[in-house]
Amino acid sequence: MVDHLGFIVAAYALTATVLLGLVVWVVADGRVQKAALAELDRRGVRRAGGNR
């Protein structure tokens, strides 16, 4: 077990880094999309078929 400790720690660290990066990306993209939707709403653009 001790022989593989470095590999295990590195694998967990890499996984945590990738997951954190994905969370940051999703949050940042959500803010960008929210701003884009607010701009469209400000300009009065509506979805096609929104009256259904």
Protein backbone atom coordinates (compact mmCIF):
# COMPACT_ATOMS: atom_id res chain seq x y z
CA MET A 1 0.00 0.00 0.00
CA VAL A 2 2.74 2.47 0.94
CA ASP A 3 4.47 1.72 -2.36
CA HIS A 4 1.51 3.16 -4.24
CA LEU A 5 0.79 6.11 -1.95
CA GLY A 6 2.39 8.64 -4.31
CA PHE A 7 0.32 7.42 -7.23
CA ILE A 8 -2.89 7.47 -5.19
CA VAL A 9 -2.27 10.98 -3.88
CA ALA A 10 -1.40 12.22 -7.37
CA ALA A 11 -4.53 10.61 -8.84
CA TYR A 12 -6.77 12.21 -6.21
CA ALA A 13 -5.05 15.58 -6.63
CA LEU A 14 -5.48 15.46 -10.41
CA THR A 15 -9.12 14.44 -10.07
CA ALA A 16 -9.81 17.25 -7.59
CA THR A 17 -8.07 19.76 -9.87
CA VAL A 18 -10.08 18.67 -12.91
CA LEU A 19 -13.37 18.73 -10.99
CA LEU A 20 -12.62 22.16 -9.56
CA GLY A 21 -11.77 23.40 -13.05
CA LEU A 22 -15.07 22.08 -14.38
CA VAL A 23 -17.01 23.76 -11.57
CA VAL A 24 -15.27 27.08 -12.23
CA TRP A 25 -15.93 26.74 -15.95
CA VAL A 26 -19.64 25.96 -15.47
CA VAL A 27 -20.13 28.86 -13.03
CA ALA A 28 -18.30 31.30 -15.33
CA ASP A 29 -20.24 30.12 -18.38
CA GLY A 30 -23.51 30.41 -16.46
CA ARG A 31 -22.71 34.04 -15.71
CA VAL A 32 -21.89 34.71 -19.37
CA GLN A 33 -25.12 33.05 -20.53
CA LYS A 34 -27.16 34.95 -17.93
CA ALA A 35 -25.66 38.23 -19.14
CA ALA A 36 -26.37 37.30 -22.77
CA LEU A 37 -29.98 36.46 -21.93
CA ALA A 38 -30.36 39.73 -20.03
CA GLU A 39 -29.04 41.63 -23.05
CA LEU A 40 -31.49 39.86 -25.35
CA ASP A 41 -34.31 40.60 -22.91
CA ARG A 42 -33.25 44.24 -22.75
CA ARG A 43 -33.43 44.44 -26.56
CA GLY A 44 -36.86 42.83 -26.54
CA VAL A 45 -35.85 39.63 -28.31
CA ARG A 46 -38.22 36.76 -27.54
CA ARG A 47 -38.05 33.02 -28.21
CA ALA A 48 -39.67 31.77 -31.37
CA GLY A 49 -42.79 29.84 -30.45
CA GLY A 50 -42.89 31.34 -26.98
CA ASN A 51 -46.65 31.89 -27.25
CA ARG A 52 -47.45 28.19 -27.24
